[in-house]
């Protein structure tokens, strides 16, 4: 496999990862918003738990937004094929992907803390 094909494959895998995190973040965001009334009415929610819910939503939203930015950066970088200067680790790609990943991980942690605090 020549170098150009390897780089294109790296871009495909990066785009796939970003899309998966967007999908998972969207699903969790929709589910938690949909069932918030049931969560709140089943157990009494204190201010700490309410803060966790809102923080989680914001972090999932950030993961979605920066995922879209990362996809845009990946697409824009593919325009450089003629120059043969493709780099999946370029700053314009790495930055949004890192923020997306960190937002997603923090959102998962926040959701887990919320779940464990309501038991």
PDB file of N, CA and C in Angstrom:
ATOM      1  N   UNK A   1       0.853  -1.173   0.000  1.00  0.00           N
ATOM      2  CA  UNK A   1       0.000   0.000   0.000  1.00  0.00           C
ATOM      3  C   UNK A   1       0.899   1.236   0.000  1.00  0.00           C
ATOM      4  N   UNK A   2       0.661   2.130  -0.931  1.00  0.00           N
ATOM      5  CA  UNK A   2       1.500   3.319  -1.007  1.00  0.00           C
ATOM      6  C   UNK A   2       1.124   4.320   0.091  1.00  0.00           C
ATOM      7  N   UNK A   3       1.973   5.303   0.276  1.00  0.00           N
ATOM      8  CA  UNK A   3       1.821   6.254   1.379  1.00  0.00           C
ATOM      9  C   UNK A   3       0.525   7.051   1.264  1.00  0.00           C
ATOM     10  N   UNK A   4       0.159   7.405   0.043  1.00  0.00           N
ATOM     11  CA  UNK A   4      -1.049   8.199  -0.140  1.00  0.00           C
ATOM     12  C   UNK A   4      -2.284   7.419   0.332  1.00  0.00           C
ATOM     13  N   UNK A   5      -2.344   6.139   0.032  1.00  0.00           N
ATOM     14  CA  UNK A   5      -3.470   5.305   0.459  1.00  0.00           C
ATOM     15  C   UNK A   5      -3.497   5.159   1.980  1.00  0.00           C
ATOM     16  N   UNK A   6      -2.313   5.039   2.597  1.00  0.00           N
ATOM     17  CA  UNK A   6      -2.241   4.918   4.058  1.00  0.00           C
ATOM     18  C   UNK A   6      -2.760   6.188   4.725  1.00  0.00           C
ATOM     19  N   UNK A   7      -2.378   7.331   4.181  1.00  0.00           N
ATOM     20  CA  UNK A   7      -2.826   8.605   4.749  1.00  0.00           C
ATOM     21  C   UNK A   7      -4.334   8.753   4.573  1.00  0.00           C
ATOM     22  N   UNK A   8      -4.845   8.392   3.414  1.00  0.00           N
ATOM     23  CA  UNK A   8      -6.287   8.459   3.178  1.00  0.00           C
ATOM     24  C   UNK A   8      -7.034   7.529   4.136  1.00  0.00           C
ATOM     25  N   UNK A   9      -6.474   6.358   4.406  1.00  0.00           N
ATOM     26  CA  UNK A   9      -7.083   5.415   5.345  1.00  0.00           C
ATOM     27  C   UNK A   9      -7.089   6.003   6.761  1.00  0.00           C
ATOM     28  N   UNK A  10      -6.010   6.682   7.126  1.00  0.00           N
ATOM     29  CA  UNK A  10      -5.951   7.332   8.445  1.00  0.00           C
ATOM     30  C   UNK A  10      -7.041   8.385   8.571  1.00  0.00           C
ATOM     31  N   UNK A  11      -7.281   9.136   7.490  1.00  0.00           N
ATOM     32  CA  UNK A  11      -8.354  10.132   7.500  1.00  0.00           C
ATOM     33  C   UNK A  11      -9.714   9.460   7.637  1.00  0.00           C
ATOM     34  N   UNK A  12      -9.914   8.332   6.989  1.00  0.00           N
ATOM     35  CA  UNK A  12     -11.178   7.598   7.097  1.00  0.00           C
ATOM     36  C   UNK A  12     -11.417   7.137   8.533  1.00  0.00           C
ATOM     37  N   UNK A  13     -10.379   6.588   9.166  1.00  0.00           N
ATOM     38  CA  UNK A  13     -10.518   6.125  10.549  1.00  0.00           C
ATOM     39  C   UNK A  13     -10.781   7.291  11.502  1.00  0.00           C
ATOM     40  N   UNK A  14     -10.101   8.405  11.291  1.00  0.00           N
ATOM     41  CA  UNK A  14     -10.317   9.582  12.139  1.00  0.00           C
ATOM     42  C   UNK A  14     -11.748  10.083  11.987  1.00  0.00           C
ATOM     43  N   UNK A  15     -12.234  10.158  10.753  1.00  0.00           N
ATOM     44  CA  UNK A  15     -13.605  10.605  10.512  1.00  0.00           C
ATOM     45  C   UNK A  15     -14.606   9.639  11.141  1.00  0.00           C
ATOM     46  N   UNK A  16     -14.319   8.361  11.068  1.00  0.00           N
ATOM     47  CA  UNK A  16     -15.202   7.352  11.659  1.00  0.00           C
ATOM     48  C   UNK A  16     -15.276   7.517  13.174  1.00  0.00           C
ATOM     49  N   UNK A  17     -14.137   7.761  13.804  1.00  0.00           N
ATOM     50  CA  UNK A  17     -14.116   7.951  15.252  1.00  0.00           C
ATOM     51  C   UNK A  17     -14.930   9.181  15.641  1.00  0.00           C
ATOM     52  N   UNK A  18     -14.743  10.263  14.912  1.00  0.00           N
ATOM     53  CA  UNK A  18     -15.474  11.500  15.202  1.00  0.00           C
ATOM     54  C   UNK A  18     -16.975  11.273  15.051  1.00  0.00           C
ATOM     55  N   UNK A  19     -17.379  10.590  13.992  1.00  0.00           N
ATOM     56  CA  UNK A  19     -18.801  10.324  13.757  1.00  0.00           C
ATOM     57  C   UNK A  19     -19.391   9.454  14.864  1.00  0.00           C
ATOM     58  N   UNK A  20     -18.635   8.476  15.328  1.00  0.00           N
ATOM     59  CA  UNK A  20     -19.136   7.609  16.399  1.00  0.00           C
ATOM     60  C   UNK A  20     -19.345   8.395  17.689  1.00  0.00           C
ATOM     61  N   UNK A  21     -18.407   9.277  18.014  1.00  0.00           N
ATOM     62  CA  UNK A  21     -18.565  10.074  19.231  1.00  0.00           C
ATOM     63  C   UNK A  21     -19.724  11.053  19.104  1.00  0.00           C
ATOM     64  N   UNK A  22     -19.940  11.595  17.905  1.00  0.00           N
ATOM     65  CA  UNK A  22     -21.096  12.473  17.685  1.00  0.00           C
ATOM     66  C   UNK A  22     -22.385  11.691  17.902  1.00  0.00           C
ATOM     67  N   UNK A  23     -22.451  10.497  17.346  1.00  0.00           N
ATOM     68  CA  UNK A  23     -23.649   9.663  17.461  1.00  0.00           C
ATOM     69  C   UNK A  23     -23.930   9.284  18.913  1.00  0.00           C
ATOM     70  N   UNK A  24     -22.899   8.815  19.617  1.00  0.00           N
ATOM     71  CA  UNK A  24     -23.085   8.401  21.013  1.00  0.00           C
ATOM     72  C   UNK A  24     -23.459   9.603  21.878  1.00  0.00           C
ATOM     73  N   UNK A  25     -22.785  10.724  21.681  1.00  0.00           N
ATOM     74  CA  UNK A  25     -23.092  11.929  22.463  1.00  0.00           C
ATOM     75  C   UNK A  25     -24.520  12.385  22.213  1.00  0.00           C
ATOM     76  N   UNK A  26     -24.933  12.370  20.957  1.00  0.00           N
ATOM     77  CA  UNK A  26     -26.299  12.780  20.618  1.00  0.00           C
ATOM     78  C   UNK A  26     -27.320  11.857  21.273  1.00  0.00           C
ATOM     79  N   UNK A  27     -27.065  10.562  21.208  1.00  0.00           N
ATOM     80  CA  UNK A  27     -28.006   9.593  21.790  1.00  0.00           C
ATOM     81  C   UNK A  27     -28.123   9.773  23.298  1.00  0.00           C
ATOM     82  N   UNK A  28     -26.995   9.906  23.970  1.00  0.00           N
ATOM     83  CA  UNK A  28     -27.029  10.070  25.434  1.00  0.00           C
ATOM     84  C   UNK A  28     -27.703  11.386  25.797  1.00  0.00           C
ATOM     85  N   UNK A  29     -27.399  12.447  25.055  1.00  0.00           N
ATOM     86  CA  UNK A  29     -28.011  13.749  25.318  1.00  0.00           C
ATOM     87  C   UNK A  29     -29.526  13.668  25.166  1.00  0.00           C
ATOM     88  N   UNK A  30     -29.993  13.076  24.089  1.00  0.00           N
ATOM     89  CA  UNK A  30     -31.431  12.959  23.851  1.00  0.00           C
ATOM     90  C   UNK A  30     -32.092  12.091  24.923  1.00  0.00           C
ATOM     91  N   UNK A  31     -31.482  10.968  25.261  1.00  0.00           N
ATOM     92  CA  UNK A  31     -32.074  10.082  26.272  1.00  0.00           C
ATOM     93  C   UNK A  31     -32.145  10.736  27.645  1.00  0.00           C
ATOM     94  N   UNK A  32     -31.076  11.409  28.042  1.00  0.00           N
ATOM     95  CA  UNK A  32     -31.098  12.025  29.374  1.00  0.00           C
ATOM     96  C   UNK A  32     -32.071  13.195  29.432  1.00  0.00           C
ATOM     97  N   UNK A  33     -32.191  13.937  28.346  1.00  0.00           N
ATOM     98  CA  UNK A  33     -33.161  15.038  28.337  1.00  0.00           C
ATOM     99  C   UNK A  33     -34.585  14.471  28.325  1.00  0.00           C
ATOM    100  N   UNK A  34     -34.814  13.429  27.546  1.00  0.00           N
ATOM    101  CA  UNK A  34     -36.142  12.826  27.446  1.00  0.00           C
ATOM    102  C   UNK A  34     -36.620  12.287  28.788  1.00  0.00           C
ATOM    103  N   UNK A  35     -35.727  11.636  29.521  1.00  0.00           N
ATOM    104  CA  UNK A  35     -36.137  10.989  30.764  1.00  0.00           C
ATOM    105  C   UNK A  35     -35.819  11.810  32.012  1.00  0.00           C
ATOM    106  N   UNK A  36     -35.501  13.079  31.852  1.00  0.00           N
ATOM    107  CA  UNK A  36     -35.180  13.923  33.003  1.00  0.00           C
ATOM    108  C   UNK A  36     -36.359  14.023  33.968  1.00  0.00           C
ATOM    109  N   UNK A  37     -37.551  14.180  33.439  1.00  0.00           N
ATOM    110  CA  UNK A  37     -38.733  14.282  34.318  1.00  0.00           C
ATOM    111  C   UNK A  37     -38.890  13.032  35.178  1.00  0.00           C
ATOM    112  N   UNK A  38     -38.655  11.875  34.589  1.00  0.00           N
ATOM    113  CA  UNK A  38     -38.795  10.627  35.344  1.00  0.00           C
ATOM    114  C   UNK A  38     -37.689  10.494  36.384  1.00  0.00           C
ATOM    115  N   UNK A  39     -36.484  10.930  36.035  1.00  0.00           N
ATOM    116  CA  UNK A  39     -35.367  10.867  36.978  1.00  0.00           C
ATOM    117  C   UNK A  39     -35.644  11.789  38.159  1.00  0.00           C
ATOM    118  N   UNK A  40     -36.104  12.985  37.859  1.00  0.00           N
ATOM    119  CA  UNK A  40     -36.318  13.980  38.904  1.00  0.00           C
ATOM    120  C   UNK A  40     -37.501  13.596  39.793  1.00  0.00           C
ATOM    121  N   UNK A  41     -38.582  13.034  39.215  1.00  0.00           N
ATOM    122  CA  UNK A  41     -39.748  12.700  40.038  1.00  0.00           C
ATOM    123  C   UNK A  41     -39.560  11.423  40.832  1.00  0.00           C
ATOM    124  N   UNK A  42     -38.753  10.492  40.337  1.00  0.00           N
ATOM    125  CA  UNK A  42     -38.525   9.233  41.057  1.00  0.00           C
ATOM    126  C   UNK A  42     -37.698   9.468  42.318  1.00  0.00           C
ATOM    127  N   UNK A  43     -36.646  10.272  42.185  1.00  0.00           N
ATOM    128  CA  UNK A  43     -35.813  10.547  43.356  1.00  0.00           C
ATOM    129  C   UNK A  43     -35.675  12.052  43.515  1.00  0.00           C
ATOM    130  N   UNK A  44     -35.513  12.463  44.735  1.00  0.00           N
ATOM    131  CA  UNK A  44     -35.343  13.893  44.957  1.00  0.00           C
ATOM    132  C   UNK A  44     -33.940  14.291  44.514  1.00  0.00           C
ATOM    133  N   UNK A  45     -33.875  15.269  43.654  1.00  0.00           N
ATOM    134  CA  UNK A  45     -32.607  15.706  43.086  1.00  0.00           C
ATOM    135  C   UNK A  45     -32.147  16.951  43.829  1.00  0.00           C
ATOM    136  N   UNK A  46     -30.924  16.887  44.352  1.00  0.00           N
ATOM    137  CA  UNK A  46     -30.383  18.046  45.050  1.00  0.00           C
ATOM    138  C   UNK A  46     -29.640  18.949  44.058  1.00  0.00           C
ATOM    139  N   UNK A  47     -29.126  20.063  44.547  1.00  0.00           N
ATOM    140  CA  UNK A  47     -28.449  21.029  43.675  1.00  0.00           C
ATOM    141  C   UNK A  47     -27.211  20.431  43.005  1.00  0.00           C
ATOM    142  N   UNK A  48     -26.486  19.591  43.740  1.00  0.00           N
ATOM    143  CA  UNK A  48     -25.297  18.951  43.174  1.00  0.00           C
ATOM    144  C   UNK A  48     -25.674  18.080  41.972  1.00  0.00           C
ATOM    145  N   UNK A  49     -26.716  17.300  42.119  1.00  0.00           N
ATOM    146  CA  UNK A  49     -27.152  16.430  41.026  1.00  0.00           C
ATOM    147  C   UNK A  49     -27.694  17.234  39.848  1.00  0.00           C
ATOM    148  N   UNK A  50     -28.393  18.301  40.132  1.00  0.00           N
ATOM    149  CA  UNK A  50     -28.898  19.176  39.078  1.00  0.00           C
ATOM    150  C   UNK A  50     -27.726  19.795  38.310  1.00  0.00           C
ATOM    151  N   UNK A  51     -26.682  20.186  39.027  1.00  0.00           N
ATOM    152  CA  UNK A  51     -25.484  20.729  38.389  1.00  0.00           C
ATOM    153  C   UNK A  51     -24.803  19.672  37.525  1.00  0.00           C
ATOM    154  N   UNK A  52     -24.773  18.439  38.003  1.00  0.00           N
ATOM    155  CA  UNK A  52     -24.184  17.349  37.223  1.00  0.00           C
ATOM    156  C   UNK A  52     -24.951  17.113  35.929  1.00  0.00           C
ATOM    157  N   UNK A  53     -26.268  17.135  36.004  1.00  0.00           N
ATOM    158  CA  UNK A  53     -27.082  16.931  34.804  1.00  0.00           C
ATOM    159  C   UNK A  53     -26.780  18.012  33.768  1.00  0.00           C
ATOM    160  N   UNK A  54     -26.813  19.249  34.186  1.00  0.00           N
ATOM    161  CA  UNK A  54     -26.585  20.370  33.258  1.00  0.00           C
ATOM    162  C   UNK A  54     -25.162  20.347  32.722  1.00  0.00           C
ATOM    163  N   UNK A  55     -24.192  20.063  33.587  1.00  0.00           N
ATOM    164  CA  UNK A  55     -22.793  19.982  33.142  1.00  0.00           C
ATOM    165  C   UNK A  55     -22.619  18.868  32.117  1.00  0.00           C
ATOM    166  N   UNK A  56     -23.223  17.734  32.358  1.00  0.00           N
ATOM    167  CA  UNK A  56     -23.161  16.629  31.409  1.00  0.00           C
ATOM    168  C   UNK A  56     -23.745  17.017  30.063  1.00  0.00           C
ATOM    169  N   UNK A  57     -24.897  17.682  30.085  1.00  0.00           N
ATOM    170  CA  UNK A  57     -25.520  18.112  28.826  1.00  0.00           C
ATOM    171  C   UNK A  57     -24.613  19.065  28.053  1.00  0.00           C
ATOM    172  N   UNK A  58     -24.028  20.001  28.773  1.00  0.00           N
ATOM    173  CA  UNK A  58     -23.130  20.966  28.110  1.00  0.00           C
ATOM    174  C   UNK A  58     -21.924  20.246  27.511  1.00  0.00           C
ATOM    175  N   UNK A  59     -21.360  19.313  28.244  1.00  0.00           N
ATOM    176  CA  UNK A  59     -20.198  18.580  27.741  1.00  0.00           C
ATOM    177  C   UNK A  59     -20.550  17.708  26.541  1.00  0.00           C
ATOM    178  N   UNK A  60     -21.706  17.056  26.561  1.00  0.00           N
ATOM    179  CA  UNK A  60     -22.128  16.275  25.392  1.00  0.00           C
ATOM    180  C   UNK A  60     -22.343  17.194  24.193  1.00  0.00           C
ATOM    181  N   UNK A  61     -22.931  18.363  24.429  1.00  0.00           N
ATOM    182  CA  UNK A  61     -23.134  19.332  23.350  1.00  0.00           C
ATOM    183  C   UNK A  61     -21.802  19.807  22.783  1.00  0.00           C
ATOM    184  N   UNK A  62     -20.831  20.059  23.652  1.00  0.00           N
ATOM    185  CA  UNK A  62     -19.494  20.446  23.186  1.00  0.00           C
ATOM    186  C   UNK A  62     -18.852  19.334  22.357  1.00  0.00           C
ATOM    187  N   UNK A  63     -19.041  18.092  22.784  1.00  0.00           N
ATOM    188  CA  UNK A  63     -18.498  16.964  22.023  1.00  0.00           C
ATOM    189  C   UNK A  63     -19.106  16.914  20.627  1.00  0.00           C
ATOM    190  N   UNK A  64     -20.384  17.193  20.526  1.00  0.00           N
ATOM    191  CA  UNK A  64     -21.055  17.197  19.216  1.00  0.00           C
ATOM    192  C   UNK A  64     -20.541  18.354  18.367  1.00  0.00           C
ATOM    193  N   UNK A  65     -20.483  19.542  18.936  1.00  0.00           N
ATOM    194  CA  UNK A  65     -20.051  20.733  18.185  1.00  0.00           C
ATOM    195  C   UNK A  65     -18.619  20.573  17.694  1.00  0.00           C
ATOM    196  N   UNK A  66     -17.717  20.169  18.575  1.00  0.00           N
ATOM    197  CA  UNK A  66     -16.320  20.030  18.155  1.00  0.00           C
ATOM    198  C   UNK A  66     -16.123  18.827  17.240  1.00  0.00           C
ATOM    199  N   UNK A  67     -17.011  17.852  17.309  1.00  0.00           N
ATOM    200  CA  UNK A  67     -16.978  16.762  16.343  1.00  0.00           C
ATOM    201  C   UNK A  67     -17.295  17.262  14.945  1.00  0.00           C
ATOM    202  N   UNK A  68     -18.280  18.142  14.857  1.00  0.00           N
ATOM    203  CA  UNK A  68     -18.611  18.739  13.555  1.00  0.00           C
ATOM    204  C   UNK A  68     -17.438  19.577  13.051  1.00  0.00           C
ATOM    205  N   UNK A  69     -16.802  20.340  13.948  1.00  0.00           N
ATOM    206  CA  UNK A  69     -15.616  21.110  13.558  1.00  0.00           C
ATOM    207  C   UNK A  69     -14.503  20.188  13.059  1.00  0.00           C
ATOM    208  N   UNK A  70     -14.309  19.072  13.750  1.00  0.00           N
ATOM    209  CA  UNK A  70     -13.262  18.127  13.353  1.00  0.00           C
ATOM    210  C   UNK A  70     -13.556  17.528  11.984  1.00  0.00           C
ATOM    211  N   UNK A  71     -14.814  17.189  11.719  1.00  0.00           N
ATOM    212  CA  UNK A  71     -15.168  16.677  10.394  1.00  0.00           C
ATOM    213  C   UNK A  71     -14.906  17.720   9.315  1.00  0.00           C
ATOM    214  N   UNK A  72     -15.211  18.969   9.618  1.00  0.00           N
ATOM    215  CA  UNK A  72     -14.918  20.051   8.671  1.00  0.00           C
ATOM    216  C   UNK A  72     -13.431  20.194   8.422  1.00  0.00           C
ATOM    217  N   UNK A  73     -12.646  20.078   9.484  1.00  0.00           N
ATOM    218  CA  UNK A  73     -11.190  20.178   9.343  1.00  0.00           C
ATOM    219  C   UNK A  73     -10.643  19.004   8.539  1.00  0.00           C
ATOM    220  N   UNK A  74     -11.182  17.815   8.780  1.00  0.00           N
ATOM    221  CA  UNK A  74     -10.751  16.649   8.007  1.00  0.00           C
ATOM    222  C   UNK A  74     -11.084  16.834   6.528  1.00  0.00           C
ATOM    223  N   UNK A  75     -12.293  17.308   6.254  1.00  0.00           N
ATOM    224  CA  UNK A  75     -12.696  17.529   4.863  1.00  0.00           C
ATOM    225  C   UNK A  75     -11.838  18.591   4.198  1.00  0.00           C
ATOM    226  N   UNK A  76     -11.597  19.676   4.924  1.00  0.00           N
ATOM    227  CA  UNK A  76     -10.767  20.749   4.375  1.00  0.00           C
ATOM    228  C   UNK A  76      -9.345  20.295   4.114  1.00  0.00           C
ATOM    229  N   UNK A  77      -8.836  19.461   4.986  1.00  0.00           N
ATOM    230  CA  UNK A  77      -7.465  18.976   4.811  1.00  0.00           C
ATOM    231  C   UNK A  77      -7.345  18.024   3.631  1.00  0.00           C
ATOM    232  N   UNK A  78      -8.415  17.340   3.292  1.00  0.00           N
ATOM    233  CA  UNK A  78      -8.375  16.441   2.137  1.00  0.00           C
ATOM    234  C   UNK A  78      -8.223  17.205   0.828  1.00  0.00           C
ATOM    235  N   UNK A  79      -8.513  18.492   0.870  1.00  0.00           N
ATOM    236  CA  UNK A  79      -8.307  19.318  -0.322  1.00  0.00           C
ATOM    237  C   UNK A  79      -6.831  19.448  -0.664  1.00  0.00           C
ATOM    238  N   UNK A  80      -5.965  19.156   0.290  1.00  0.00           N
ATOM    239  CA  UNK A  80      -4.521  19.287   0.092  1.00  0.00           C
ATOM    240  C   UNK A  80      -3.917  18.074  -0.602  1.00  0.00           C
ATOM    241  N   UNK A  81      -4.751  17.188  -1.129  1.00  0.00           N
ATOM    242  CA  UNK A  81      -4.237  15.974  -1.775  1.00  0.00           C
ATOM    243  C   UNK A  81      -3.280  16.326  -2.906  1.00  0.00           C
ATOM    244  N   UNK A  82      -3.579  17.363  -3.639  1.00  0.00           N
ATOM    245  CA  UNK A  82      -2.714  17.745  -4.761  1.00  0.00           C
ATOM    246  C   UNK A  82      -1.318  18.125  -4.278  1.00  0.00           C
ATOM    247  N   UNK A  83      -1.229  18.673  -3.086  1.00  0.00           N
ATOM    248  CA  UNK A  83       0.070  19.096  -2.549  1.00  0.00           C
ATOM    249  C   UNK A  83       0.804  17.960  -1.842  1.00  0.00           C
ATOM    250  N   UNK A  84       0.165  16.834  -1.621  1.00  0.00           N
ATOM    251  CA  UNK A  84       0.733  15.701  -0.893  1.00  0.00           C
ATOM    252  C   UNK A  84       1.221  16.078   0.502  1.00  0.00           C
ATOM    253  N   UNK A  85       0.534  17.013   1.140  1.00  0.00           N
ATOM    254  CA  UNK A  85       0.904  17.413   2.497  1.00  0.00           C
ATOM    255  C   UNK A  85      -0.213  17.065   3.470  1.00  0.00           C
ATOM    256  N   UNK A  86      -0.801  15.932   3.272  1.00  0.00           N
ATOM    257  CA  UNK A  86      -1.860  15.489   4.176  1.00  0.00           C
ATOM    258  C   UNK A  86      -1.258  15.022   5.494  1.00  0.00           C
ATOM    259  N   UNK A  87      -1.859  15.456   6.589  1.00  0.00           N
ATOM    260  CA  UNK A  87      -1.399  15.028   7.904  1.00  0.00           C
ATOM    261  C   UNK A  87      -2.601  14.951   8.824  1.00  0.00           C
ATOM    262  N   UNK A  88      -2.962  13.746   9.221  1.00  0.00           N
ATOM    263  CA  UNK A  88      -4.117  13.565  10.087  1.00  0.00           C
ATOM    264  C   UNK A  88      -3.860  14.144  11.482  1.00  0.00           C
ATOM    265  N   UNK A  89      -2.609  14.444  11.798  1.00  0.00           N
ATOM    266  CA  UNK A  89      -2.256  15.036  13.086  1.00  0.00           C
ATOM    267  C   UNK A  89      -2.036  16.543  12.999  1.00  0.00           C
ATOM    268  N   UNK A  90      -2.483  17.168  11.917  1.00  0.00           N
ATOM    269  CA  UNK A  90      -2.337  18.612  11.777  1.00  0.00           C
ATOM    270  C   UNK A  90      -3.110  19.316  12.894  1.00  0.00           C
ATOM    271  N   UNK A  91      -2.654  20.501  13.276  1.00  0.00           N
ATOM    272  CA  UNK A  91      -3.267  21.226  14.395  1.00  0.00           C
ATOM    273  C   UNK A  91      -4.735  21.521  14.159  1.00  0.00           C
ATOM    274  N   UNK A  92      -5.098  21.827  12.907  1.00  0.00           N
ATOM    275  CA  UNK A  92      -6.502  22.165  12.636  1.00  0.00           C
ATOM    276  C   UNK A  92      -7.429  20.955  12.810  1.00  0.00           C
ATOM    277  N   UNK A  93      -6.874  19.762  12.769  1.00  0.00           N
ATOM    278  CA  UNK A  93      -7.662  18.539  12.989  1.00  0.00           C
ATOM    279  C   UNK A  93      -7.523  18.081  14.434  1.00  0.00           C
ATOM    280  N   UNK A  94      -6.312  18.077  14.914  1.00  0.00           N
ATOM    281  CA  UNK A  94      -6.025  17.561  16.253  1.00  0.00           C
ATOM    282  C   UNK A  94      -6.752  18.341  17.348  1.00  0.00           C
ATOM    283  N   UNK A  95      -6.809  19.663  17.214  1.00  0.00           N
ATOM    284  CA  UNK A  95      -7.448  20.501  18.233  1.00  0.00           C
ATOM    285  C   UNK A  95      -8.911  20.157  18.461  1.00  0.00           C
ATOM    286  N   UNK A  96      -9.758  20.240  17.412  1.00  0.00           N
ATOM    287  CA  UNK A  96     -11.174  19.903  17.620  1.00  0.00           C
ATOM    288  C   UNK A  96     -11.394  18.456  18.057  1.00  0.00           C
ATOM    289  N   UNK A  97     -10.585  17.530  17.529  1.00  0.00           N
ATOM    290  CA  UNK A  97     -10.744  16.131  17.922  1.00  0.00           C
ATOM    291  C   UNK A  97     -10.399  15.932  19.393  1.00  0.00           C
ATOM    292  N   UNK A  98      -9.360  16.608  19.859  1.00  0.00           N
ATOM    293  CA  UNK A  98      -8.971  16.494  21.267  1.00  0.00           C
ATOM    294  C   UNK A  98     -10.052  17.069  22.180  1.00  0.00           C
ATOM    295  N   UNK A  99     -10.582  18.232  21.811  1.00  0.00           N
ATOM    296  CA  UNK A  99     -11.641  18.843  22.620  1.00  0.00           C
ATOM    297  C   UNK A  99     -12.889  17.962  22.610  1.00  0.00           C
ATOM    298  N   UNK A 100     -13.212  17.388  21.453  1.00  0.00           N
ATOM    299  CA  UNK A 100     -14.360  16.486  21.381  1.00  0.00           C
ATOM    300  C   UNK A 100     -14.156  15.291  22.300  1.00  0.00           C
ATOM    301  N   UNK A 101     -12.997  14.686  22.220  1.00  0.00           N
ATOM    302  CA  UNK A 101     -12.708  13.496  23.025  1.00  0.00           C
ATOM    303  C   UNK A 101     -12.745  13.817  24.513  1.00  0.00           C
ATOM    304  N   UNK A 102     -12.100  14.908  24.919  1.00  0.00           N
ATOM    305  CA  UNK A 102     -12.085  15.280  26.336  1.00  0.00           C
ATOM    306  C   UNK A 102     -13.489  15.623  26.838  1.00  0.00           C
ATOM    307  N   UNK A 103     -14.264  16.346  26.021  1.00  0.00           N
ATOM    308  CA  UNK A 103     -15.643  16.676  26.412  1.00  0.00           C
ATOM    309  C   UNK A 103     -16.467  15.418  26.598  1.00  0.00           C
ATOM    310  N   UNK A 104     -16.290  14.473  25.685  1.00  0.00           N
ATOM    311  CA  UNK A 104     -17.039  13.217  25.779  1.00  0.00           C
ATOM    312  C   UNK A 104     -16.656  12.444  27.030  1.00  0.00           C
ATOM    313  N   UNK A 105     -15.369  12.320  27.290  1.00  0.00           N
ATOM    314  CA  UNK A 105     -14.912  11.579  28.479  1.00  0.00           C
ATOM    315  C   UNK A 105     -15.419  12.258  29.754  1.00  0.00           C
ATOM    316  N   UNK A 106     -15.306  13.579  29.832  1.00  0.00           N
ATOM    317  CA  UNK A 106     -15.790  14.297  31.016  1.00  0.00           C
ATOM    318  C   UNK A 106     -17.297  14.161  31.165  1.00  0.00           C
ATOM    319  N   UNK A 107     -18.026  14.163  30.043  1.00  0.00           N
ATOM    320  CA  UNK A 107     -19.478  13.992  30.100  1.00  0.00           C
ATOM    321  C   UNK A 107     -19.839  12.603  30.615  1.00  0.00           C
ATOM    322  N   UNK A 108     -19.122  11.598  30.159  1.00  0.00           N
ATOM    323  CA  UNK A 108     -19.365  10.231  30.641  1.00  0.00           C
ATOM    324  C   UNK A 108     -19.096  10.148  32.141  1.00  0.00           C
ATOM    325  N   UNK A 109     -17.991  10.734  32.581  1.00  0.00           N
ATOM    326  CA  UNK A 109     -17.657  10.725  34.009  1.00  0.00           C
ATOM    327  C   UNK A 109     -18.739  11.444  34.815  1.00  0.00           C
ATOM    328  N   UNK A 110     -19.188  12.595  34.299  1.00  0.00           N
ATOM    329  CA  UNK A 110     -20.243  13.353  34.976  1.00  0.00           C
ATOM    330  C   UNK A 110     -21.526  12.531  35.071  1.00  0.00           C
ATOM    331  N   UNK A 111     -21.875  11.859  33.987  1.00  0.00           N
ATOM    332  CA  UNK A 111     -23.076  11.025  33.985  1.00  0.00           C
ATOM    333  C   UNK A 111     -22.941   9.861  34.965  1.00  0.00           C
ATOM    334  N   UNK A 112     -21.750   9.282  35.045  1.00  0.00           N
ATOM    335  CA  UNK A 112     -21.524   8.177  35.982  1.00  0.00           C
ATOM    336  C   UNK A 112     -21.615   8.671  37.433  1.00  0.00           C
ATOM    337  N   UNK A 113     -21.057   9.840  37.703  1.00  0.00           N
ATOM    338  CA  UNK A 113     -21.147  10.402  39.056  1.00  0.00           C
ATOM    339  C   UNK A 113     -22.602  10.665  39.418  1.00  0.00           C
ATOM    340  N   UNK A 114     -23.356  11.202  38.467  1.00  0.00           N
ATOM    341  CA  UNK A 114     -24.777  11.458  38.699  1.00  0.00           C
ATOM    342  C   UNK A 114     -25.503  10.150  39.002  1.00  0.00           C
ATOM    343  N   UNK A 115     -25.228   9.133  38.200  1.00  0.00           N
ATOM    344  CA  UNK A 115     -25.872   7.836  38.419  1.00  0.00           C
ATOM    345  C   UNK A 115     -25.530   7.245  39.772  1.00  0.00           C
ATOM    346  N   UNK A 116     -24.267   7.326  40.152  1.00  0.00           N
ATOM    347  CA  UNK A 116     -23.871   6.747  41.439  1.00  0.00           C
ATOM    348  C   UNK A 116     -24.360   7.568  42.622  1.00  0.00           C
ATOM    349  N   UNK A 117     -24.536   8.868  42.433  1.00  0.00           N
ATOM    350  CA  UNK A 117     -24.998   9.700  43.551  1.00  0.00           C
ATOM    351  C   UNK A 117     -26.493   9.544  43.797  1.00  0.00           C
ATOM    352  N   UNK A 118     -27.207   9.023  42.811  1.00  0.00           N
ATOM    353  CA  UNK A 118     -28.664   8.874  42.989  1.00  0.00           C
ATOM    354  C   UNK A 118     -29.055   7.480  43.458  1.00  0.00           C
ATOM    355  N   UNK A 119     -28.059   6.626  43.697  1.00  0.00           N
ATOM    356  CA  UNK A 119     -28.362   5.261  44.161  1.00  0.00           C
ATOM    357  C   UNK A 119     -28.555   5.256  45.661  1.00  0.00           C
TER     358      UNK A 119
END
